[in-house]
């Protein structure tokens, strides 16, 4: 599958930088975000990713609300990163029904830029590989 030069940034990329649990993945994800800021790669995310980050930081990591809002604002202000929301909900429901994936991943896969193979997903989530019709790369496969 031909890789696009436009990238969809999944929640786990932002979370690895915000939480810093693992030095290796922190560095990989930080390099991706830095490359976006410097205009070296074109990237976008979606509002559902911001909602997922909010849920994970608050519900799993127990971040205070003020730290969560600061994190979300920092993502939104990242130079070069766009937020584009345009999904095919029927396609997402079909993907969710036919594959063992989370509904949020089905929504991402149904995003018109991802679905039409105009964007590659940057994510550690291997569930995207089950779909087969979308391209996914881990951060270390982008800049090296």
Protein backbone atom coordinates (compact mmCIF):
# COMPACT_ATOMS: atom_id res chain seq x y z
CA UNK A 1 0.00 0.00 0.00
CA UNK A 2 1.39 3.38 -0.99
CA UNK A 3 2.08 5.61 1.99
CA UNK A 4 0.68 9.10 1.87
CA UNK A 5 2.61 12.17 2.90
CA UNK A 6 -0.25 13.36 5.11
CA UNK A 7 -0.63 11.86 8.57
CA UNK A 8 -3.50 11.40 11.01
CA UNK A 9 -2.19 11.62 14.58
CA UNK A 10 -3.85 9.16 16.96
CA UNK A 11 -4.41 9.84 20.66
CA UNK A 12 -1.64 7.51 21.84
CA UNK A 13 0.98 9.69 20.15
CA UNK A 14 -0.04 12.74 22.16
CA UNK A 15 -0.52 10.67 25.32
CA UNK A 16 3.00 9.21 25.17
CA UNK A 17 4.37 12.77 25.29
CA UNK A 18 1.94 14.03 27.93
CA UNK A 19 2.37 11.09 30.31
CA UNK A 20 6.04 10.21 29.68
CA UNK A 21 5.81 6.62 30.98
CA UNK A 22 8.34 5.18 28.55
CA UNK A 23 11.46 7.07 27.44
CA UNK A 24 11.73 5.38 24.03
CA UNK A 25 8.16 6.04 22.92
CA UNK A 26 8.24 9.51 24.49
CA UNK A 27 11.24 10.41 22.30
CA UNK A 28 9.67 8.90 19.17
CA UNK A 29 6.39 10.76 19.67
CA UNK A 30 8.11 14.00 20.67
CA UNK A 31 10.09 13.86 17.40
CA UNK A 32 6.85 13.45 15.43
CA UNK A 33 5.22 16.43 17.14
CA UNK A 34 8.39 18.48 16.67
CA UNK A 35 8.46 17.58 12.96
CA UNK A 36 4.85 18.76 12.65
CA UNK A 37 5.69 22.03 14.38
CA UNK A 38 8.69 22.56 12.10
CA UNK A 39 6.61 21.81 9.00
CA UNK A 40 8.62 18.70 8.11
CA UNK A 41 5.49 16.57 8.00
CA UNK A 42 1.87 17.48 7.32
CA UNK A 43 -0.52 16.20 9.95
CA UNK A 44 -4.00 16.47 11.34
CA UNK A 45 -6.09 14.97 14.09
CA UNK A 46 -9.76 15.08 15.02
CA UNK A 47 -11.91 16.34 17.86
CA UNK A 48 -12.68 12.77 18.89
CA UNK A 49 -8.95 12.38 19.61
CA UNK A 50 -9.13 15.36 21.96
CA UNK A 51 -12.13 13.72 23.69
CA UNK A 52 -10.21 10.44 24.01
CA UNK A 53 -7.17 12.25 25.47
CA UNK A 54 -9.45 14.04 27.95
CA UNK A 55 -10.99 10.72 29.00
CA UNK A 56 -7.65 8.90 29.37
CA UNK A 57 -5.90 11.70 31.26
CA UNK A 58 -8.82 12.23 33.62
CA UNK A 59 -10.22 8.73 33.95
CA UNK A 60 -7.09 6.60 33.85
CA UNK A 61 -4.25 8.87 34.96
CA UNK A 62 -6.31 11.09 37.30
CA UNK A 63 -4.86 14.30 35.91
CA UNK A 64 -6.49 17.40 37.44
CA UNK A 65 -8.88 19.22 35.14
CA UNK A 66 -6.55 22.21 34.85
CA UNK A 67 -3.70 20.03 33.57
CA UNK A 68 -6.04 18.36 31.09
CA UNK A 69 -7.23 21.67 29.68
CA UNK A 70 -3.62 22.87 29.42
CA UNK A 71 -2.71 19.68 27.54
CA UNK A 72 -5.65 20.02 25.16
CA UNK A 73 -4.84 23.68 24.49
CA UNK A 74 -1.21 22.77 23.77
CA UNK A 75 -2.35 20.22 21.18
CA UNK A 76 -4.70 22.71 19.54
CA UNK A 77 -1.96 25.35 19.42
CA UNK A 78 0.64 23.02 17.87
CA UNK A 79 1.78 24.87 14.77
CA UNK A 80 1.15 22.83 11.64
CA UNK A 81 -1.46 20.52 13.18
CA UNK A 82 -5.01 20.80 11.91
CA UNK A 83 -8.20 19.39 13.35
CA UNK A 84 -10.37 17.94 10.60
CA UNK A 85 -13.65 16.19 11.37
CA UNK A 86 -15.32 14.43 8.49
CA UNK A 87 -16.39 10.82 8.90
CA UNK A 88 -18.52 8.33 7.05
CA UNK A 89 -20.64 7.12 9.94
CA UNK A 90 -22.15 4.23 7.96
CA UNK A 91 -18.66 3.05 7.04
CA UNK A 92 -17.58 3.37 10.68
CA UNK A 93 -20.52 1.27 11.85
CA UNK A 94 -19.74 -1.35 9.20
CA UNK A 95 -16.06 -1.48 10.21
CA UNK A 96 -17.04 -1.73 13.88
CA UNK A 97 -19.47 -4.55 13.07
CA UNK A 98 -17.04 -6.51 10.89
CA UNK A 99 -13.77 -6.16 12.78
CA UNK A 100 -12.70 -6.59 16.38
CA UNK A 101 -11.90 -2.91 16.93
CA UNK A 102 -13.09 -0.04 19.12
CA UNK A 103 -15.75 2.22 17.66
CA UNK A 104 -13.43 5.21 17.94
CA UNK A 105 -10.89 3.37 15.74
CA UNK A 106 -13.67 2.60 13.25
CA UNK A 107 -14.49 6.32 13.15
CA UNK A 108 -10.84 7.18 12.51
CA UNK A 109 -10.67 4.60 9.71
CA UNK A 110 -13.82 6.09 8.17
CA UNK A 111 -12.34 9.62 8.13
CA UNK A 112 -12.46 10.60 4.48
CA UNK A 113 -8.71 11.30 4.23
CA UNK A 114 -7.81 7.98 5.87
CA UNK A 115 -10.46 5.97 4.04
CA UNK A 116 -9.48 7.43 0.67
CA UNK A 117 -5.81 6.61 1.43
CA UNK A 118 -4.80 10.26 1.36
CA UNK A 119 -3.51 10.00 4.94
CA UNK A 120 -1.55 7.45 6.94
CA UNK A 121 -2.40 6.94 10.62
CA UNK A 122 0.49 7.41 13.04
CA UNK A 123 -0.36 5.17 15.96
CA UNK A 124 0.88 2.34 18.13
CA UNK A 125 -2.61 0.81 17.94
CA UNK A 126 -2.26 -2.38 15.92
CA UNK A 127 -6.05 -2.72 15.70
CA UNK A 128 -5.90 -0.54 12.58
CA UNK A 129 -3.93 -3.35 10.91
CA UNK A 130 -6.97 -5.64 11.24
CA UNK A 131 -8.86 -3.43 8.81
CA UNK A 132 -6.26 -3.77 6.08
CA UNK A 133 -7.71 -0.96 3.99
CA UNK A 134 -5.99 1.80 5.96
CA UNK A 135 -2.31 2.59 6.29
CA UNK A 136 -0.73 2.78 9.75
CA UNK A 137 2.82 3.51 10.80
CA UNK A 138 4.46 3.80 14.18
CA UNK A 139 6.43 6.98 14.87
CA UNK A 140 9.81 5.29 14.47
CA UNK A 141 8.82 4.33 10.90
CA UNK A 142 8.21 7.93 9.85
CA UNK A 143 11.37 9.90 10.62
CA UNK A 144 14.08 7.28 10.42
